[in-house]
């Protein structure tokens, strides 16, 4: 598990290797990740959007941006958390992801970014 705290918002990430499959005559490596966003601050906050950088061992690089997470824009009061599962496809058995969430603090009405720590994606069969 990888964890990081930014402005009182703790991000925890767990990853899993889901398997391989062929699509359009090319092998793909599927990875899942589970993210928990925990509000350890004294203010209520809302996640409004996300930004991801996804890289694999073949130097493929993908940027993913969007509203909320899995169709939701969770509001977190102090002490509350939100967990969701998602995934990505890589062209190699190794890669990494990192990014940030854009959030708003309801007390100050200020927008701020919360770092999503870099985490590795690796297929267990490819490890020595």
C-alpha atoms as a PDB file:
ATOM      1  CA  UNK A   1       0.000   0.000   0.000  1.00  0.00           C
ATOM      2  CA  UNK A   2       1.161   3.512  -0.852  1.00  0.00           C
ATOM      3  CA  UNK A   3      -0.048   6.501   1.193  1.00  0.00           C
ATOM      4  CA  UNK A   4       0.370  10.270   1.169  1.00  0.00           C
ATOM      5  CA  UNK A   5      -1.232  13.181   3.032  1.00  0.00           C
ATOM      6  CA  UNK A   6      -1.753  16.586   1.417  1.00  0.00           C
ATOM      7  CA  UNK A   7      -3.511  19.370   3.351  1.00  0.00           C
ATOM      8  CA  UNK A   8      -5.084  16.867   5.715  1.00  0.00           C
ATOM      9  CA  UNK A   9      -6.381  14.586   2.949  1.00  0.00           C
ATOM     10  CA  UNK A  10      -4.882  11.089   3.109  1.00  0.00           C
ATOM     11  CA  UNK A  11      -4.721   9.050  -0.092  1.00  0.00           C
ATOM     12  CA  UNK A  12      -4.120   5.283   0.199  1.00  0.00           C
ATOM     13  CA  UNK A  13      -3.629   3.057  -2.863  1.00  0.00           C
ATOM     14  CA  UNK A  14      -3.651  -0.748  -3.195  1.00  0.00           C
ATOM     15  CA  UNK A  15      -3.027  -2.412  -6.573  1.00  0.00           C
ATOM     16  CA  UNK A  16      -3.753  -5.806  -8.099  1.00  0.00           C
ATOM     17  CA  UNK A  17      -2.826  -7.548 -11.330  1.00  0.00           C
ATOM     18  CA  UNK A  18      -6.052  -8.674 -13.046  1.00  0.00           C
ATOM     19  CA  UNK A  19      -4.666 -10.657 -15.986  1.00  0.00           C
ATOM     20  CA  UNK A  20      -3.748 -10.465 -19.657  1.00  0.00           C
ATOM     21  CA  UNK A  21      -5.806 -10.519 -22.818  1.00  0.00           C
ATOM     22  CA  UNK A  22      -5.429  -9.915 -26.545  1.00  0.00           C
ATOM     23  CA  UNK A  23      -7.223  -7.090 -28.299  1.00  0.00           C
ATOM     24  CA  UNK A  24      -6.550  -5.990 -31.876  1.00  0.00           C
ATOM     25  CA  UNK A  25      -3.684  -8.521 -32.139  1.00  0.00           C
ATOM     26  CA  UNK A  26      -1.905  -6.939 -29.166  1.00  0.00           C
ATOM     27  CA  UNK A  27      -1.449  -8.182 -25.599  1.00  0.00           C
ATOM     28  CA  UNK A  28      -2.767  -5.995 -22.774  1.00  0.00           C
ATOM     29  CA  UNK A  29      -2.001  -6.216 -19.061  1.00  0.00           C
ATOM     30  CA  UNK A  30      -4.934  -5.306 -16.816  1.00  0.00           C
ATOM     31  CA  UNK A  31      -4.395  -3.750 -13.399  1.00  0.00           C
ATOM     32  CA  UNK A  32      -6.856  -2.777 -10.728  1.00  0.00           C
ATOM     33  CA  UNK A  33      -6.423  -0.235  -7.981  1.00  0.00           C
ATOM     34  CA  UNK A  34      -8.377   0.618  -4.856  1.00  0.00           C
ATOM     35  CA  UNK A  35      -8.140   4.167  -3.551  1.00  0.00           C
ATOM     36  CA  UNK A  36      -9.273   5.455  -0.177  1.00  0.00           C
ATOM     37  CA  UNK A  37      -9.572   9.223   0.291  1.00  0.00           C
ATOM     38  CA  UNK A  38      -9.712  10.116   3.981  1.00  0.00           C
ATOM     39  CA  UNK A  39     -10.443  13.599   5.299  1.00  0.00           C
ATOM     40  CA  UNK A  40      -8.178  14.135   8.306  1.00  0.00           C
ATOM     41  CA  UNK A  41      -8.661  17.920   8.200  1.00  0.00           C
ATOM     42  CA  UNK A  42     -11.090  20.005  10.241  1.00  0.00           C
ATOM     43  CA  UNK A  43     -13.050  21.195   7.191  1.00  0.00           C
ATOM     44  CA  UNK A  44     -15.563  19.560   4.852  1.00  0.00           C
ATOM     45  CA  UNK A  45     -14.188  19.081   1.330  1.00  0.00           C
ATOM     46  CA  UNK A  46     -15.424  17.898  -2.053  1.00  0.00           C
ATOM     47  CA  UNK A  47     -13.506  16.107  -4.787  1.00  0.00           C
ATOM     48  CA  UNK A  48     -14.355  17.800  -8.090  1.00  0.00           C
ATOM     49  CA  UNK A  49     -11.988  16.267 -10.660  1.00  0.00           C
ATOM     50  CA  UNK A  50      -9.007  13.987 -11.220  1.00  0.00           C
ATOM     51  CA  UNK A  51      -5.782  14.010 -13.241  1.00  0.00           C
ATOM     52  CA  UNK A  52      -3.707  10.870 -13.934  1.00  0.00           C
ATOM     53  CA  UNK A  53      -0.364  10.196 -15.593  1.00  0.00           C
ATOM     54  CA  UNK A  54      -0.005   6.547 -16.613  1.00  0.00           C
ATOM     55  CA  UNK A  55       3.299   5.164 -17.891  1.00  0.00           C
ATOM     56  CA  UNK A  56       4.397   1.671 -18.859  1.00  0.00           C
ATOM     57  CA  UNK A  57       7.789   0.021 -19.353  1.00  0.00           C
ATOM     58  CA  UNK A  58       7.617   0.592 -23.129  1.00  0.00           C
ATOM     59  CA  UNK A  59       7.603   4.391 -22.593  1.00  0.00           C
ATOM     60  CA  UNK A  60       3.919   4.704 -23.439  1.00  0.00           C
ATOM     61  CA  UNK A  61       2.467   7.712 -21.629  1.00  0.00           C
ATOM     62  CA  UNK A  62      -1.208   8.502 -21.143  1.00  0.00           C
ATOM     63  CA  UNK A  63      -2.934  11.453 -19.457  1.00  0.00           C
ATOM     64  CA  UNK A  64      -6.448  10.958 -18.090  1.00  0.00           C
ATOM     65  CA  UNK A  65      -8.537  13.877 -16.837  1.00  0.00           C
ATOM     66  CA  UNK A  66     -12.144  13.987 -15.791  1.00  0.00           C
ATOM     67  CA  UNK A  67     -14.883  15.038 -13.450  1.00  0.00           C
ATOM     68  CA  UNK A  68     -15.073  13.266 -10.101  1.00  0.00           C
ATOM     69  CA  UNK A  69     -14.186   9.604  -9.619  1.00  0.00           C
ATOM     70  CA  UNK A  70     -16.303   6.722 -10.972  1.00  0.00           C
ATOM     71  CA  UNK A  71     -19.146   9.140 -11.701  1.00  0.00           C
ATOM     72  CA  UNK A  72     -19.151  10.684  -8.206  1.00  0.00           C
ATOM     73  CA  UNK A  73     -17.957  13.915  -6.639  1.00  0.00           C
ATOM     74  CA  UNK A  74     -17.805  12.835  -3.009  1.00  0.00           C
ATOM     75  CA  UNK A  75     -18.207  15.305  -0.152  1.00  0.00           C
ATOM     76  CA  UNK A  76     -16.145  14.334   2.882  1.00  0.00           C
ATOM     77  CA  UNK A  77     -16.784  15.773   6.322  1.00  0.00           C
ATOM     78  CA  UNK A  78     -13.929  15.651   8.852  1.00  0.00           C
ATOM     79  CA  UNK A  79     -13.150  12.015   9.679  1.00  0.00           C
ATOM     80  CA  UNK A  80     -15.037  10.595   6.681  1.00  0.00           C
ATOM     81  CA  UNK A  81     -13.545   8.589   3.831  1.00  0.00           C
ATOM     82  CA  UNK A  82     -14.495   7.489   0.316  1.00  0.00           C
ATOM     83  CA  UNK A  83     -13.174   4.289  -1.293  1.00  0.00           C
ATOM     84  CA  UNK A  84     -13.488   3.301  -4.931  1.00  0.00           C
ATOM     85  CA  UNK A  85     -12.061   0.724  -7.338  1.00  0.00           C
ATOM     86  CA  UNK A  86     -10.859   1.361 -10.861  1.00  0.00           C
ATOM     87  CA  UNK A  87      -8.312   0.035 -13.309  1.00  0.00           C
ATOM     88  CA  UNK A  88      -6.121   0.583 -16.328  1.00  0.00           C
ATOM     89  CA  UNK A  89      -4.575  -1.324 -19.232  1.00  0.00           C
ATOM     90  CA  UNK A  90      -0.873  -1.310 -20.027  1.00  0.00           C
ATOM     91  CA  UNK A  91       1.049  -2.595 -23.041  1.00  0.00           C
ATOM     92  CA  UNK A  92       3.739  -4.056 -20.772  1.00  0.00           C
ATOM     93  CA  UNK A  93       3.719  -6.011 -17.491  1.00  0.00           C
ATOM     94  CA  UNK A  94       5.211  -3.040 -15.601  1.00  0.00           C
ATOM     95  CA  UNK A  95       4.155   0.555 -15.189  1.00  0.00           C
ATOM     96  CA  UNK A  96       3.297   3.319 -12.763  1.00  0.00           C
ATOM     97  CA  UNK A  97       0.584   5.875 -12.113  1.00  0.00           C
ATOM     98  CA  UNK A  98       0.486   9.184 -10.278  1.00  0.00           C
ATOM     99  CA  UNK A  99      -1.709  12.225 -10.314  1.00  0.00           C
ATOM    100  CA  UNK A 100      -3.838  14.550  -8.252  1.00  0.00           C
ATOM    101  CA  UNK A 101      -7.397  15.338  -7.249  1.00  0.00           C
ATOM    102  CA  UNK A 102      -8.827  18.825  -7.474  1.00  0.00           C
ATOM    103  CA  UNK A 103     -10.865  19.606  -4.392  1.00  0.00           C
ATOM    104  CA  UNK A 104     -12.723  22.462  -2.782  1.00  0.00           C
ATOM    105  CA  UNK A 105     -12.683  23.380   0.897  1.00  0.00           C
ATOM    106  CA  UNK A 106     -16.244  24.280   1.957  1.00  0.00           C
ATOM    107  CA  UNK A 107     -15.086  26.437   4.900  1.00  0.00           C
ATOM    108  CA  UNK A 108     -12.721  28.703   2.961  1.00  0.00           C
ATOM    109  CA  UNK A 109     -14.345  28.083  -0.484  1.00  0.00           C
ATOM    110  CA  UNK A 110     -10.799  27.701  -1.834  1.00  0.00           C
ATOM    111  CA  UNK A 111      -9.823  25.103  -4.424  1.00  0.00           C
ATOM    112  CA  UNK A 112      -6.758  22.968  -3.793  1.00  0.00           C
ATOM    113  CA  UNK A 113      -4.901  19.953  -5.184  1.00  0.00           C
ATOM    114  CA  UNK A 114      -4.306  16.688  -3.362  1.00  0.00           C
ATOM    115  CA  UNK A 115      -1.390  14.584  -4.596  1.00  0.00           C
ATOM    116  CA  UNK A 116      -1.973  10.950  -5.512  1.00  0.00           C
ATOM    117  CA  UNK A 117       1.352   9.283  -4.742  1.00  0.00           C
ATOM    118  CA  UNK A 118       3.151   7.405  -7.494  1.00  0.00           C
ATOM    119  CA  UNK A 119       2.396   3.700  -7.356  1.00  0.00           C
ATOM    120  CA  UNK A 120       3.816   0.785  -9.297  1.00  0.00           C
ATOM    121  CA  UNK A 121       1.861  -1.660 -11.427  1.00  0.00           C
ATOM    122  CA  UNK A 122       3.578  -4.991 -11.918  1.00  0.00           C
ATOM    123  CA  UNK A 123       2.506  -8.422 -13.062  1.00  0.00           C
ATOM    124  CA  UNK A 124       3.805 -10.984 -10.544  1.00  0.00           C
ATOM    125  CA  UNK A 125       4.833 -13.484 -13.246  1.00  0.00           C
ATOM    126  CA  UNK A 126       7.259 -10.931 -14.707  1.00  0.00           C
ATOM    127  CA  UNK A 127       9.175 -10.390 -11.461  1.00  0.00           C
ATOM    128  CA  UNK A 128      12.482 -12.123 -10.738  1.00  0.00           C
END
